[in-house]
Amino acid sequence: MKKVFIFLTLIILTLTLCSGCSKDEVLSFYEKTSEQFGDLVLTINSKLKGERNFGQDHYTGTYEVVYKNFNGAEIIFGGTTIDREDESIHIKLEVSDSVGDLKIIYKLKEKEKILAIQDGTYEYDFNVKDGSNYLIIKGNNYSGQVNIKIE
């Protein structure tokens, strides 16, 4: 709630300061603010169970983790954008040594696609357009290894 309040305050302040700005300047500011707000949804590095390395943006990169009795959710990659430069992404997942319940989900705006629930190697291609798009790992007493690579 505190983050949302700060975000809204910054928007109001900036819009007040940019009352004489051009349409392009306002749209550029809105895009940057939208991206920053989307980044707030991602699980921060210090709270992650594994190691994440971002690629060209927060939609791409690698994540390697070995879970032990994991309960909860980690939002690994994604964001909120208006116009992402490269709309296509390729996701490769490797899941092994699983005990317990696991769901790896890709949320595209309002829709969710389950990418993996058991051991195996999986590959997917998505077009990431405007809106909120996130890769999420959910576990219920889950132990196992997950490797993710998104390009």
Protein backbone atom coordinates (compact mmCIF):
# COMPACT_ATOMS: atom_id res chain seq x y z
CA MET A 1 0.00 0.00 0.00
CA LYS A 2 2.86 2.34 0.85
CA LYS A 3 4.47 1.74 -2.57
CA VAL A 4 1.21 2.55 -4.36
CA PHE A 5 0.84 5.80 -2.39
CA ILE A 6 4.40 6.84 -3.26
CA PHE A 7 3.83 5.93 -6.90
CA LEU A 8 0.61 7.95 -7.13
CA THR A 9 2.22 10.91 -5.37
CA LEU A 10 5.09 10.89 -7.87
CA ILE A 11 2.68 10.80 -10.80
CA ILE A 12 0.68 13.75 -9.47
CA LEU A 13 3.85 15.73 -8.74
CA THR A 14 5.33 15.03 -12.16
CA LEU A 15 2.11 15.84 -14.00
CA THR A 16 1.97 19.13 -12.13
CA LEU A 17 5.56 19.92 -13.07
CA CYS A 18 5.00 18.83 -16.68
CA SER A 19 1.88 20.89 -17.29
CA GLY A 20 3.74 22.58 -20.16
CA CYS A 21 5.26 19.34 -21.50
CA SER A 22 4.61 18.00 -24.98
CA LYS A 23 2.45 14.94 -25.61
CA ASP A 24 5.57 12.84 -26.35
CA GLU A 25 7.21 13.88 -23.07
CA VAL A 26 4.09 12.96 -21.09
CA LEU A 27 3.80 9.57 -22.87
CA SER A 28 7.49 8.86 -22.29
CA PHE A 29 7.11 9.67 -18.61
CA TYR A 30 4.02 7.45 -18.38
CA GLU A 31 5.91 4.55 -20.03
CA LYS A 32 8.85 4.87 -17.62
CA THR A 33 6.55 5.14 -14.61
CA SER A 34 4.53 2.13 -15.75
CA GLU A 35 7.73 0.08 -16.08
CA GLN A 36 8.91 1.13 -12.61
CA PHE A 37 5.55 0.27 -11.09
CA GLY A 38 5.66 -3.15 -12.79
CA ASP A 39 9.11 -3.78 -11.34
CA LEU A 40 7.71 -3.31 -7.82
CA VAL A 41 5.67 -6.51 -8.27
CA LEU A 42 8.78 -8.66 -8.81
CA THR A 43 10.12 -10.53 -5.78
CA ILE A 44 13.21 -8.63 -4.62
CA ASN A 45 16.54 -10.47 -4.89
CA SER A 46 17.05 -10.74 -1.14
CA LYS A 47 13.72 -12.60 -0.78
CA LEU A 48 14.31 -15.05 -3.64
CA LYS A 49 15.21 -18.65 -2.79
CA GLY A 50 17.53 -18.89 -5.82
CA GLU A 51 19.71 -16.69 -8.01
CA ARG A 52 18.20 -14.46 -10.69
CA ASN A 53 20.15 -12.66 -13.40
CA PHE A 54 18.23 -10.29 -15.64
CA GLY A 55 18.86 -10.19 -19.37
CA GLN A 56 18.17 -7.18 -21.60
CA ASP A 57 15.21 -6.22 -19.40
CA HIS A 58 13.18 -7.66 -16.52
CA TYR A 59 11.32 -9.98 -18.89
CA THR A 60 14.43 -12.00 -19.74
CA GLY A 61 17.27 -13.70 -17.89
CA THR A 62 18.05 -16.81 -15.88
CA TYR A 63 16.89 -18.20 -12.55
CA GLU A 64 18.38 -21.22 -10.78
CA VAL A 65 16.99 -22.55 -7.53
CA VAL A 66 16.92 -25.64 -5.34
CA TYR A 67 13.83 -25.50 -3.12
CA LYS A 68 13.47 -27.26 0.22
CA ASN A 69 9.91 -27.40 1.57
CA PHE A 70 8.98 -24.21 -0.28
CA ASN A 71 5.55 -22.73 0.43
CA GLY A 72 4.50 -19.55 -1.31
CA ALA A 73 5.12 -17.73 -4.57
CA GLU A 74 8.02 -15.97 -6.23
CA ILE A 75 7.48 -13.53 -9.08
CA ILE A 76 10.68 -14.00 -11.05
CA PHE A 77 10.43 -12.12 -14.35
CA GLY A 78 8.10 -9.65 -16.03
CA GLY A 79 6.71 -6.20 -15.67
CA THR A 80 4.15 -3.71 -16.85
CA THR A 81 4.89 -2.03 -20.12
CA ILE A 82 3.15 -0.07 -22.81
CA ASP A 83 5.52 -0.78 -25.67
CA ARG A 84 8.19 -3.46 -25.19
CA GLU A 85 10.87 -3.21 -27.89
CA ASP A 86 11.09 -6.96 -28.63
CA GLU A 87 7.68 -8.56 -28.16
CA SER A 88 8.79 -12.21 -28.51
CA ILE A 89 10.33 -14.23 -25.70
CA HIS A 90 11.46 -17.86 -25.54
CA ILE A 91 11.15 -19.66 -22.20
CA LYS A 92 13.06 -22.83 -21.36
CA LEU A 93 12.31 -24.60 -18.06
CA GLU A 94 14.05 -27.55 -16.49
CA VAL A 95 12.37 -29.08 -13.44
CA SER A 96 13.87 -32.06 -11.57
CA ASP A 97 13.88 -33.99 -8.29
CA SER A 98 10.35 -32.79 -7.46
CA VAL A 99 8.52 -33.66 -4.26
CA GLY A 100 5.36 -31.74 -3.34
CA ASP A 101 3.27 -29.41 -5.46
CA LEU A 102 4.75 -27.00 -8.01
CA LYS A 103 3.20 -24.63 -10.54
CA ILE A 104 5.19 -22.47 -12.90
CA ILE A 105 2.83 -19.95 -14.43
CA TYR A 106 3.12 -17.26 -17.08
CA LYS A 107 0.59 -14.50 -16.53
CA LEU A 108 -0.26 -12.56 -19.67
CA LYS A 109 -2.48 -9.66 -18.66
CA GLU A 110 -5.61 -11.37 -17.27
CA LYS A 111 -4.81 -14.89 -18.53
CA GLU A 112 -2.62 -17.47 -16.82
CA LYS A 113 -0.90 -20.35 -18.57
CA ILE A 114 0.51 -23.19 -16.49
CA LEU A 115 3.95 -23.99 -17.90
CA ALA A 116 5.04 -26.83 -15.60
CA ILE A 117 3.73 -28.89 -12.67
CA GLN A 118 6.15 -31.83 -12.74
CA ASP A 119 9.68 -32.87 -13.70
CA GLY A 120 10.68 -32.31 -17.30
CA THR A 121 12.09 -29.90 -19.83
CA TYR A 122 9.65 -27.40 -21.31
CA GLU A 123 9.94 -24.72 -23.99
CA TYR A 124 7.47 -21.97 -24.89
CA ASP A 125 7.31 -18.92 -27.10
CA PHE A 126 5.17 -15.91 -26.18
CA ASN A 127 4.47 -12.47 -27.59
CA VAL A 128 4.65 -10.04 -24.71
CA LYS A 129 2.61 -6.99 -25.49
CA ASP A 130 1.37 -4.11 -23.36
CA GLY A 131 0.04 -4.80 -19.90
CA SER A 132 1.16 -6.84 -16.92
CA ASN A 133 3.11 -10.00 -17.77
CA TYR A 134 4.86 -12.14 -15.15
CA LEU A 135 6.52 -15.54 -14.67
CA ILE A 136 5.54 -16.93 -11.27
CA ILE A 137 6.66 -20.01 -9.34
CA LYS A 138 4.25 -21.36 -6.73
CA GLY A 139 5.07 -24.12 -4.30
CA ASN A 140 3.16 -26.08 -1.69
CA ASN A 141 5.63 -28.01 0.46
CA TYR A 142 7.75 -28.27 -2.68
CA SER A 143 11.30 -29.53 -2.85
CA GLY A 144 13.19 -29.78 -6.12
CA GLN A 145 15.31 -27.97 -8.65
CA VAL A 146 14.10 -25.40 -11.18
CA ASN A 147 16.20 -23.75 -13.90
CA ILE A 148 14.70 -21.02 -16.08
CA LYS A 149 16.16 -19.29 -19.11
CA ILE A 150 14.19 -16.59 -20.94
CA GLU A 151 15.55 -14.92 -24.07
